[in-house]
Amino acid sequence: MPVRCHVIVYGKYPAVTGMATATDICDASPVVTFVDVTNAGDCPQEYTITRTWTATDACGNSSTCIQVLSIEDNAPPTITCPTNTTVQCVNQIPPVNRP
């Protein structure tokens, strides 16, 4: 499940990425938990979360499934150029303010 960078803060939470569900023939409410393992990506804003979900019933029987969350930075930065300027002489060109 790819998650865009602007939701990284929220991308780790099941309310955004989905919640595992479980049923059991003897337990009406098996407990569902998860454990995350995070692996770095190609840049600081990219990473992969391998989420292991576990459902456990009242007798201690359990089942697991794995969800992979890929956080990708594929949105380019935005840039705004200054307006075009026409001058009569080179000494009228304003100095460049470098960040």
C-alpha atoms as a PDB file:
ATOM      1  CA  MET A   1       0.000   0.000   0.000  1.00  0.00           C
ATOM      2  CA  PRO A   2       1.841   3.160  -1.111  1.00  0.00           C
ATOM      3  CA  VAL A   3       1.442   6.157   1.173  1.00  0.00           C
ATOM      4  CA  ARG A   4       2.301   9.636  -0.131  1.00  0.00           C
ATOM      5  CA  CYS A   5       4.846  11.635   1.849  1.00  0.00           C
ATOM      6  CA  HIS A   6       2.411  14.249   3.069  1.00  0.00           C
ATOM      7  CA  VAL A   7       0.735  11.568   5.206  1.00  0.00           C
ATOM      8  CA  ILE A   8       3.893  10.102   6.690  1.00  0.00           C
ATOM      9  CA  VAL A   9       2.983  11.374  10.126  1.00  0.00           C
ATOM     10  CA  TYR A  10      -0.368   9.610   9.899  1.00  0.00           C
ATOM     11  CA  GLY A  11       0.642   6.746   7.602  1.00  0.00           C
ATOM     12  CA  LYS A  12       1.735   4.541  10.471  1.00  0.00           C
ATOM     13  CA  TYR A  13      -1.703   4.443  12.041  1.00  0.00           C
ATOM     14  CA  PRO A  14      -4.314   1.800  11.196  1.00  0.00           C
ATOM     15  CA  ALA A  15      -7.076   4.420  10.992  1.00  0.00           C
ATOM     16  CA  VAL A  16      -5.344   5.609   7.803  1.00  0.00           C
ATOM     17  CA  THR A  17      -3.772   2.402   6.475  1.00  0.00           C
ATOM     18  CA  GLY A  18      -6.490  -0.104   7.411  1.00  0.00           C
ATOM     19  CA  MET A  19      -7.167  -2.369  10.351  1.00  0.00           C
ATOM     20  CA  ALA A  20      -6.986  -6.161  10.327  1.00  0.00           C
ATOM     21  CA  THR A  21     -10.117  -7.989  11.435  1.00  0.00           C
ATOM     22  CA  ALA A  22     -10.554 -11.466  12.864  1.00  0.00           C
ATOM     23  CA  THR A  23     -13.317 -13.954  13.515  1.00  0.00           C
ATOM     24  CA  ASP A  24     -13.305 -17.125  15.578  1.00  0.00           C
ATOM     25  CA  ILE A  25     -15.943 -19.830  15.934  1.00  0.00           C
ATOM     26  CA  CYS A  26     -15.538 -20.016  19.744  1.00  0.00           C
ATOM     27  CA  ASP A  27     -14.542 -16.452  20.673  1.00  0.00           C
ATOM     28  CA  ALA A  28     -16.774 -13.582  19.553  1.00  0.00           C
ATOM     29  CA  SER A  29     -14.005 -11.004  20.058  1.00  0.00           C
ATOM     30  CA  PRO A  30     -10.497 -12.218  19.258  1.00  0.00           C
ATOM     31  CA  VAL A  31      -7.849  -9.623  20.115  1.00  0.00           C
ATOM     32  CA  VAL A  32      -6.054  -8.050  17.133  1.00  0.00           C
ATOM     33  CA  THR A  33      -2.604  -6.484  17.638  1.00  0.00           C
ATOM     34  CA  PHE A  34       0.264  -5.466  15.388  1.00  0.00           C
ATOM     35  CA  VAL A  35       4.041  -5.038  15.456  1.00  0.00           C
ATOM     36  CA  ASP A  36       5.905  -2.832  12.961  1.00  0.00           C
ATOM     37  CA  VAL A  37       9.391  -3.251  11.500  1.00  0.00           C
ATOM     38  CA  THR A  38      10.651  -0.202   9.592  1.00  0.00           C
ATOM     39  CA  ASN A  39      13.247  -0.379   6.812  1.00  0.00           C
ATOM     40  CA  ALA A  40      14.901   2.730   5.360  1.00  0.00           C
ATOM     41  CA  GLY A  41      14.374   3.650   1.724  1.00  0.00           C
ATOM     42  CA  ASP A  42      16.463   5.514  -0.846  1.00  0.00           C
ATOM     43  CA  CYS A  43      15.958   8.927   0.798  1.00  0.00           C
ATOM     44  CA  PRO A  44      15.072  10.067   4.341  1.00  0.00           C
ATOM     45  CA  GLN A  45      11.395  10.554   3.427  1.00  0.00           C
ATOM     46  CA  GLU A  46      11.004   7.027   2.039  1.00  0.00           C
ATOM     47  CA  TYR A  47      10.721   3.838   4.020  1.00  0.00           C
ATOM     48  CA  THR A  48       8.816   0.582   4.245  1.00  0.00           C
ATOM     49  CA  ILE A  49       6.875  -0.654   7.234  1.00  0.00           C
ATOM     50  CA  THR A  50       6.270  -4.386   7.485  1.00  0.00           C
ATOM     51  CA  ARG A  51       3.314  -4.718   9.826  1.00  0.00           C
ATOM     52  CA  THR A  52       2.637  -8.141  11.321  1.00  0.00           C
ATOM     53  CA  TRP A  53      -0.940  -8.446  12.508  1.00  0.00           C
ATOM     54  CA  THR A  54      -1.831 -11.107  15.085  1.00  0.00           C
ATOM     55  CA  ALA A  55      -5.312 -12.254  16.083  1.00  0.00           C
ATOM     56  CA  THR A  56      -5.509 -14.196  19.337  1.00  0.00           C
ATOM     57  CA  ASP A  57      -8.576 -15.911  20.767  1.00  0.00           C
ATOM     58  CA  ALA A  58      -9.460 -16.525  24.428  1.00  0.00           C
ATOM     59  CA  CYS A  59      -7.709 -19.928  24.365  1.00  0.00           C
ATOM     60  CA  GLY A  60      -4.431 -18.436  23.124  1.00  0.00           C
ATOM     61  CA  ASN A  61      -4.762 -19.688  19.543  1.00  0.00           C
ATOM     62  CA  SER A  62      -3.395 -17.145  17.095  1.00  0.00           C
ATOM     63  CA  SER A  63      -3.097 -16.366  13.406  1.00  0.00           C
ATOM     64  CA  THR A  64      -0.936 -13.768  11.698  1.00  0.00           C
ATOM     65  CA  CYS A  65      -0.902 -11.834   8.457  1.00  0.00           C
ATOM     66  CA  ILE A  66       1.524  -9.283   7.038  1.00  0.00           C
ATOM     67  CA  GLN A  67       0.775  -5.858   5.598  1.00  0.00           C
ATOM     68  CA  VAL A  68       3.506  -3.892   3.786  1.00  0.00           C
ATOM     69  CA  LEU A  69       3.258  -0.091   3.834  1.00  0.00           C
ATOM     70  CA  SER A  70       5.493   1.745   1.362  1.00  0.00           C
ATOM     71  CA  ILE A  71       6.043   5.430   2.063  1.00  0.00           C
ATOM     72  CA  GLU A  72       7.173   7.042  -1.197  1.00  0.00           C
ATOM     73  CA  ASP A  73       8.352  10.551  -1.961  1.00  0.00           C
ATOM     74  CA  ASN A  74       7.350  10.864  -5.604  1.00  0.00           C
ATOM     75  CA  ALA A  75       6.083  14.448  -5.469  1.00  0.00           C
ATOM     76  CA  PRO A  76       8.567  16.963  -6.909  1.00  0.00           C
ATOM     77  CA  PRO A  77       9.196  20.246  -5.091  1.00  0.00           C
ATOM     78  CA  THR A  78       7.383  23.323  -6.311  1.00  0.00           C
ATOM     79  CA  ILE A  79       9.358  26.319  -7.501  1.00  0.00           C
ATOM     80  CA  THR A  80       8.379  29.911  -8.202  1.00  0.00           C
ATOM     81  CA  CYS A  81      10.597  31.998 -10.453  1.00  0.00           C
ATOM     82  CA  PRO A  82      10.932  35.760 -10.154  1.00  0.00           C
ATOM     83  CA  THR A  83       9.226  37.893 -12.753  1.00  0.00           C
ATOM     84  CA  ASN A  84      11.034  38.799 -15.973  1.00  0.00           C
ATOM     85  CA  THR A  85      12.884  42.103 -15.845  1.00  0.00           C
ATOM     86  CA  THR A  86      14.057  44.470 -18.577  1.00  0.00           C
ATOM     87  CA  VAL A  87      16.818  46.997 -17.830  1.00  0.00           C
ATOM     88  CA  GLN A  88      18.636  49.585 -19.932  1.00  0.00           C
ATOM     89  CA  CYS A  89      22.115  49.084 -18.466  1.00  0.00           C
ATOM     90  CA  VAL A  90      23.878  46.198 -16.774  1.00  0.00           C
ATOM     91  CA  ASN A  91      24.350  48.238 -13.575  1.00  0.00           C
ATOM     92  CA  GLN A  92      20.551  48.338 -13.225  1.00  0.00           C
ATOM     93  CA  ILE A  93      20.366  44.594 -12.699  1.00  0.00           C
ATOM     94  CA  PRO A  94      19.467  44.052  -9.081  1.00  0.00           C
ATOM     95  CA  PRO A  95      21.799  41.873  -6.995  1.00  0.00           C
ATOM     96  CA  VAL A  96      20.905  38.226  -6.572  1.00  0.00           C
ATOM     97  CA  ASN A  97      19.796  37.226  -3.088  1.00  0.00           C
ATOM     98  CA  ARG A  98      21.060  33.695  -2.575  1.00  0.00           C
ATOM     99  CA  PRO A  99      19.380  31.541   0.055  1.00  0.00           C
END
